[in-house]
Amino acid sequence: MPEEGIALIIGVDRLLDMCRTVPNVIADSLACVVIANSEERTGSDESGWLITYFIKFI
């Protein structure tokens, strides 16, 4: 396989990897919000600001 082809595949794969990472991070964050809501642990302390933000976002 030519070197130019390998470089193209690696470059495109890096972009696609970033596109695959975004939904994964969003889904993991949403799962944290759902679990926190089910355990009633939302926004009661300073570390809960992110969960509170996502609840308002949803």
PDB file of N, CA and C in Angstrom:
ATOM      1  N   MET A   1       0.848  -1.173   0.000  1.00  0.00           N
ATOM      2  CA  MET A   1       0.000   0.000   0.000  1.00  0.00           C
ATOM      3  C   MET A   1       0.894   1.237   0.000  1.00  0.00           C
ATOM      4  N   PRO A   2       0.562   2.230  -0.818  1.00  0.00           N
ATOM      5  CA  PRO A   2       1.405   3.430  -0.885  1.00  0.00           C
ATOM      6  C   PRO A   2       1.321   4.264   0.402  1.00  0.00           C
ATOM      7  N   GLU A   3       2.406   4.976   0.661  1.00  0.00           N
ATOM      8  CA  GLU A   3       2.475   5.797   1.869  1.00  0.00           C
ATOM      9  C   GLU A   3       1.424   6.898   1.877  1.00  0.00           C
ATOM     10  N   GLU A   4       1.095   7.458   0.713  1.00  0.00           N
ATOM     11  CA  GLU A   4       0.089   8.518   0.645  1.00  0.00           C
ATOM     12  C   GLU A   4      -1.286   8.000   1.067  1.00  0.00           C
ATOM     13  N   GLY A   5      -1.577   6.764   0.690  1.00  0.00           N
ATOM     14  CA  GLY A   5      -2.856   6.163   1.065  1.00  0.00           C
ATOM     15  C   GLY A   5      -2.969   5.943   2.562  1.00  0.00           C
ATOM     16  N   ILE A   6      -1.875   5.510   3.171  1.00  0.00           N
ATOM     17  CA  ILE A   6      -1.862   5.299   4.621  1.00  0.00           C
ATOM     18  C   ILE A   6      -2.029   6.635   5.347  1.00  0.00           C
ATOM     19  N   ALA A   7      -1.351   7.675   4.881  1.00  0.00           N
ATOM     20  CA  ALA A   7      -1.471   8.995   5.498  1.00  0.00           C
ATOM     21  C   ALA A   7      -2.899   9.522   5.380  1.00  0.00           C
ATOM     22  N   LEU A   8      -3.544   9.292   4.259  1.00  0.00           N
ATOM     23  CA  LEU A   8      -4.925   9.731   4.070  1.00  0.00           C
ATOM     24  C   LEU A   8      -5.864   8.983   5.020  1.00  0.00           C
ATOM     25  N   ILE A   9      -5.678   7.696   5.142  1.00  0.00           N
ATOM     26  CA  ILE A   9      -6.522   6.895   6.038  1.00  0.00           C
ATOM     27  C   ILE A   9      -6.342   7.343   7.485  1.00  0.00           C
ATOM     28  N   ILE A  10      -5.117   7.582   7.895  1.00  0.00           N
ATOM     29  CA  ILE A  10      -4.854   8.013   9.273  1.00  0.00           C
ATOM     30  C   ILE A  10      -5.473   9.387   9.524  1.00  0.00           C
ATOM     31  N   GLY A  11      -5.359  10.300   8.575  1.00  0.00           N
ATOM     32  CA  GLY A  11      -5.933  11.639   8.728  1.00  0.00           C
ATOM     33  C   GLY A  11      -7.443  11.608   8.819  1.00  0.00           C
ATOM     34  N   VAL A  12      -8.077  10.831   7.972  1.00  0.00           N
ATOM     35  CA  VAL A  12      -9.540  10.728   7.983  1.00  0.00           C
ATOM     36  C   VAL A  12     -10.002  10.011   9.246  1.00  0.00           C
ATOM     37  N   ASP A  13      -9.273   8.981   9.669  1.00  0.00           N
ATOM     38  CA  ASP A  13      -9.667   8.238  10.860  1.00  0.00           C
ATOM     39  C   ASP A  13      -9.615   9.116  12.100  1.00  0.00           C
ATOM     40  N   ARG A  14      -8.671  10.018  12.171  1.00  0.00           N
ATOM     41  CA  ARG A  14      -8.592  10.913  13.336  1.00  0.00           C
ATOM     42  C   ARG A  14      -9.827  11.800  13.406  1.00  0.00           C
ATOM     43  N   LEU A  15     -10.264  12.333  12.279  1.00  0.00           N
ATOM     44  CA  LEU A  15     -11.464  13.161  12.240  1.00  0.00           C
ATOM     45  C   LEU A  15     -12.700  12.334  12.619  1.00  0.00           C
ATOM     46  N   LEU A  16     -12.812  11.147  12.064  1.00  0.00           N
ATOM     47  CA  LEU A  16     -13.952  10.291  12.379  1.00  0.00           C
ATOM     48  C   LEU A  16     -13.935   9.872  13.844  1.00  0.00           C
ATOM     49  N   ASP A  17     -12.758   9.676  14.412  1.00  0.00           N
ATOM     50  CA  ASP A  17     -12.655   9.312  15.816  1.00  0.00           C
ATOM     51  C   ASP A  17     -13.188  10.434  16.702  1.00  0.00           C
ATOM     52  N   MET A  18     -12.882  11.671  16.356  1.00  0.00           N
ATOM     53  CA  MET A  18     -13.415  12.800  17.115  1.00  0.00           C
ATOM     54  C   MET A  18     -14.932  12.851  17.006  1.00  0.00           C
ATOM     55  N   CYS A  19     -15.460  12.552  15.834  1.00  0.00           N
ATOM     56  CA  CYS A  19     -16.916  12.535  15.644  1.00  0.00           C
ATOM     57  C   CYS A  19     -17.568  11.399  16.436  1.00  0.00           C
ATOM     58  N   ARG A  20     -16.880  10.299  16.621  1.00  0.00           N
ATOM     59  CA  ARG A  20     -17.426   9.198  17.422  1.00  0.00           C
ATOM     60  C   ARG A  20     -17.337   9.501  18.915  1.00  0.00           C
ATOM     61  N   THR A  21     -16.380  10.316  19.315  1.00  0.00           N
ATOM     62  CA  THR A  21     -16.178  10.620  20.728  1.00  0.00           C
ATOM     63  C   THR A  21     -17.269  11.540  21.270  1.00  0.00           C
ATOM     64  N   VAL A  22     -17.719  12.495  20.482  1.00  0.00           N
ATOM     65  CA  VAL A  22     -18.712  13.473  20.942  1.00  0.00           C
ATOM     66  C   VAL A  22     -19.999  12.797  21.413  1.00  0.00           C
ATOM     67  N   PRO A  23     -20.638  11.921  20.629  1.00  0.00           N
ATOM     68  CA  PRO A  23     -21.858  11.284  21.141  1.00  0.00           C
ATOM     69  C   PRO A  23     -21.596  10.396  22.356  1.00  0.00           C
ATOM     70  N   ASN A  24     -20.422   9.804  22.427  1.00  0.00           N
ATOM     71  CA  ASN A  24     -20.084   8.967  23.568  1.00  0.00           C
ATOM     72  C   ASN A  24     -20.022   9.798  24.849  1.00  0.00           C
ATOM     73  N   VAL A  25     -19.395  10.960  24.794  1.00  0.00           N
ATOM     74  CA  VAL A  25     -19.298  11.828  25.962  1.00  0.00           C
ATOM     75  C   VAL A  25     -20.684  12.337  26.362  1.00  0.00           C
ATOM     76  N   ILE A  26     -21.491  12.719  25.383  1.00  0.00           N
ATOM     77  CA  ILE A  26     -22.842  13.197  25.671  1.00  0.00           C
ATOM     78  C   ILE A  26     -23.680  12.097  26.309  1.00  0.00           C
ATOM     79  N   ALA A  27     -23.600  10.888  25.778  1.00  0.00           N
ATOM     80  CA  ALA A  27     -24.366   9.772  26.335  1.00  0.00           C
ATOM     81  C   ALA A  27     -23.912   9.436  27.750  1.00  0.00           C
ATOM     82  N   ASP A  28     -22.619   9.464  28.004  1.00  0.00           N
ATOM     83  CA  ASP A  28     -22.119   9.198  29.357  1.00  0.00           C
ATOM     84  C   ASP A  28     -22.590  10.279  30.334  1.00  0.00           C
ATOM     85  N   SER A  29     -22.575  11.531  29.906  1.00  0.00           N
ATOM     86  CA  SER A  29     -23.042  12.619  30.755  1.00  0.00           C
ATOM     87  C   SER A  29     -24.534  12.495  31.037  1.00  0.00           C
ATOM     88  N   LEU A  30     -25.293  12.134  30.028  1.00  0.00           N
ATOM     89  CA  LEU A  30     -26.732  11.947  30.208  1.00  0.00           C
ATOM     90  C   LEU A  30     -27.013  10.795  31.160  1.00  0.00           C
ATOM     91  N   ALA A  31     -26.258   9.733  31.064  1.00  0.00           N
ATOM     92  CA  ALA A  31     -26.428   8.604  31.979  1.00  0.00           C
ATOM     93  C   ALA A  31     -26.151   9.036  33.411  1.00  0.00           C
ATOM     94  N   CYS A  32     -25.146   9.867  33.617  1.00  0.00           N
ATOM     95  CA  CYS A  32     -24.854  10.380  34.963  1.00  0.00           C
ATOM     96  C   CYS A  32     -26.020  11.195  35.503  1.00  0.00           C
ATOM     97  N   VAL A  33     -26.629  12.001  34.651  1.00  0.00           N
ATOM     98  CA  VAL A  33     -27.764  12.816  35.079  1.00  0.00           C
ATOM     99  C   VAL A  33     -28.942  11.932  35.455  1.00  0.00           C
ATOM    100  N   VAL A  34     -29.220  10.936  34.646  1.00  0.00           N
ATOM    101  CA  VAL A  34     -30.348  10.042  34.913  1.00  0.00           C
ATOM    102  C   VAL A  34     -30.135   9.286  36.221  1.00  0.00           C
ATOM    103  N   ILE A  35     -28.945   8.784  36.429  1.00  0.00           N
ATOM    104  CA  ILE A  35     -28.651   8.046  37.665  1.00  0.00           C
ATOM    105  C   ILE A  35     -28.709   8.981  38.869  1.00  0.00           C
ATOM    106  N   ALA A  36     -28.181  10.192  38.736  1.00  0.00           N
ATOM    107  CA  ALA A  36     -28.233  11.151  39.837  1.00  0.00           C
ATOM    108  C   ALA A  36     -29.682  11.507  40.173  1.00  0.00           C
ATOM    109  N   ASN A  37     -30.515  11.651  39.159  1.00  0.00           N
ATOM    110  CA  ASN A  37     -31.930  11.935  39.411  1.00  0.00           C
ATOM    111  C   ASN A  37     -32.607  10.770  40.101  1.00  0.00           C
ATOM    112  N   SER A  38     -32.284   9.566  39.702  1.00  0.00           N
ATOM    113  CA  SER A  38     -32.924   8.401  40.310  1.00  0.00           C
ATOM    114  C   SER A  38     -32.489   8.225  41.766  1.00  0.00           C
ATOM    115  N   GLU A  39     -31.298   8.700  42.097  1.00  0.00           N
ATOM    116  CA  GLU A  39     -30.813   8.615  43.472  1.00  0.00           C
ATOM    117  C   GLU A  39     -31.034   9.913  44.240  1.00  0.00           C
ATOM    118  N   GLU A  40     -31.660  10.884  43.610  1.00  0.00           N
ATOM    119  CA  GLU A  40     -31.958  12.188  44.206  1.00  0.00           C
ATOM    120  C   GLU A  40     -30.711  12.864  44.751  1.00  0.00           C
ATOM    121  N   ARG A  41     -29.690  12.921  43.922  1.00  0.00           N
ATOM    122  CA  ARG A  41     -28.424  13.570  44.305  1.00  0.00           C
ATOM    123  C   ARG A  41     -28.112  14.722  43.362  1.00  0.00           C
ATOM    124  N   THR A  42     -29.035  15.602  43.138  1.00  0.00           N
ATOM    125  CA  THR A  42     -28.803  16.653  42.161  1.00  0.00           C
ATOM    126  C   THR A  42     -28.678  18.015  42.812  1.00  0.00           C
ATOM    127  N   GLY A  43     -27.578  18.685  42.538  1.00  0.00           N
ATOM    128  CA  GLY A  43     -27.391  20.077  42.894  1.00  0.00           C
ATOM    129  C   GLY A  43     -27.373  20.393  44.382  1.00  0.00           C
ATOM    130  N   SER A  44     -27.104  19.439  45.245  1.00  0.00           N
ATOM    131  CA  SER A  44     -27.132  19.717  46.674  1.00  0.00           C
ATOM    132  C   SER A  44     -25.812  20.284  47.198  1.00  0.00           C
ATOM    133  N   ASP A  45     -24.764  20.181  46.414  1.00  0.00           N
ATOM    134  CA  ASP A  45     -23.478  20.734  46.832  1.00  0.00           C
ATOM    135  C   ASP A  45     -22.807  21.392  45.633  1.00  0.00           C
ATOM    136  N   GLU A  46     -21.616  21.931  45.846  1.00  0.00           N
ATOM    137  CA  GLU A  46     -20.933  22.642  44.776  1.00  0.00           C
ATOM    138  C   GLU A  46     -20.519  21.731  43.632  1.00  0.00           C
ATOM    139  N   SER A  47     -20.285  20.471  43.895  1.00  0.00           N
ATOM    140  CA  SER A  47     -19.867  19.563  42.832  1.00  0.00           C
ATOM    141  C   SER A  47     -21.034  19.153  41.950  1.00  0.00           C
ATOM    142  N   GLY A  48     -22.263  19.491  42.335  1.00  0.00           N
ATOM    143  CA  GLY A  48     -23.440  19.109  41.556  1.00  0.00           C
ATOM    144  C   GLY A  48     -23.819  20.112  40.486  1.00  0.00           C
ATOM    145  N   TRP A  49     -23.005  21.143  40.255  1.00  0.00           N
ATOM    146  CA  TRP A  49     -23.363  22.167  39.277  1.00  0.00           C
ATOM    147  C   TRP A  49     -23.498  21.604  37.875  1.00  0.00           C
ATOM    148  N   LEU A  50     -22.668  20.634  37.519  1.00  0.00           N
ATOM    149  CA  LEU A  50     -22.736  20.062  36.184  1.00  0.00           C
ATOM    150  C   LEU A  50     -24.025  19.274  35.993  1.00  0.00           C
ATOM    151  N   ILE A  51     -24.387  18.510  36.991  1.00  0.00           N
ATOM    152  CA  ILE A  51     -25.629  17.744  36.911  1.00  0.00           C
ATOM    153  C   ILE A  51     -26.814  18.695  36.810  1.00  0.00           C
ATOM    154  N   THR A  52     -26.805  19.757  37.607  1.00  0.00           N
ATOM    155  CA  THR A  52     -27.886  20.737  37.557  1.00  0.00           C
ATOM    156  C   THR A  52     -27.957  21.387  36.183  1.00  0.00           C
ATOM    157  N   TYR A  53     -26.812  21.668  35.595  1.00  0.00           N
ATOM    158  CA  TYR A  53     -26.777  22.265  34.257  1.00  0.00           C
ATOM    159  C   TYR A  53     -27.407  21.333  33.232  1.00  0.00           C
ATOM    160  N   PHE A  54     -27.045  20.057  33.265  1.00  0.00           N
ATOM    161  CA  PHE A  54     -27.588  19.116  32.303  1.00  0.00           C
ATOM    162  C   PHE A  54     -29.086  18.906  32.493  1.00  0.00           C
ATOM    163  N   ILE A  55     -29.559  18.950  33.735  1.00  0.00           N
ATOM    164  CA  ILE A  55     -30.987  18.806  33.974  1.00  0.00           C
ATOM    165  C   ILE A  55     -31.726  19.981  33.339  1.00  0.00           C
ATOM    166  N   LYS A  56     -31.208  21.182  33.481  1.00  0.00           N
ATOM    167  CA  LYS A  56     -31.837  22.348  32.859  1.00  0.00           C
ATOM    168  C   LYS A  56     -31.745  22.273  31.343  1.00  0.00           C
ATOM    169  N   PHE A  57     -30.666  21.684  30.834  1.00  0.00           N
ATOM    170  CA  PHE A  57     -30.462  21.582  29.391  1.00  0.00           C
ATOM    171  C   PHE A  57     -31.470  20.603  28.766  1.00  0.00           C
ATOM    172  N   ILE A  58     -31.779  19.546  29.493  1.00  0.00           N
ATOM    173  CA  ILE A  58     -32.694  18.528  28.988  1.00  0.00           C
ATOM    174  C   ILE A  58     -34.077  19.053  29.128  1.00  0.00           C
TER     175      ILE A  58
END
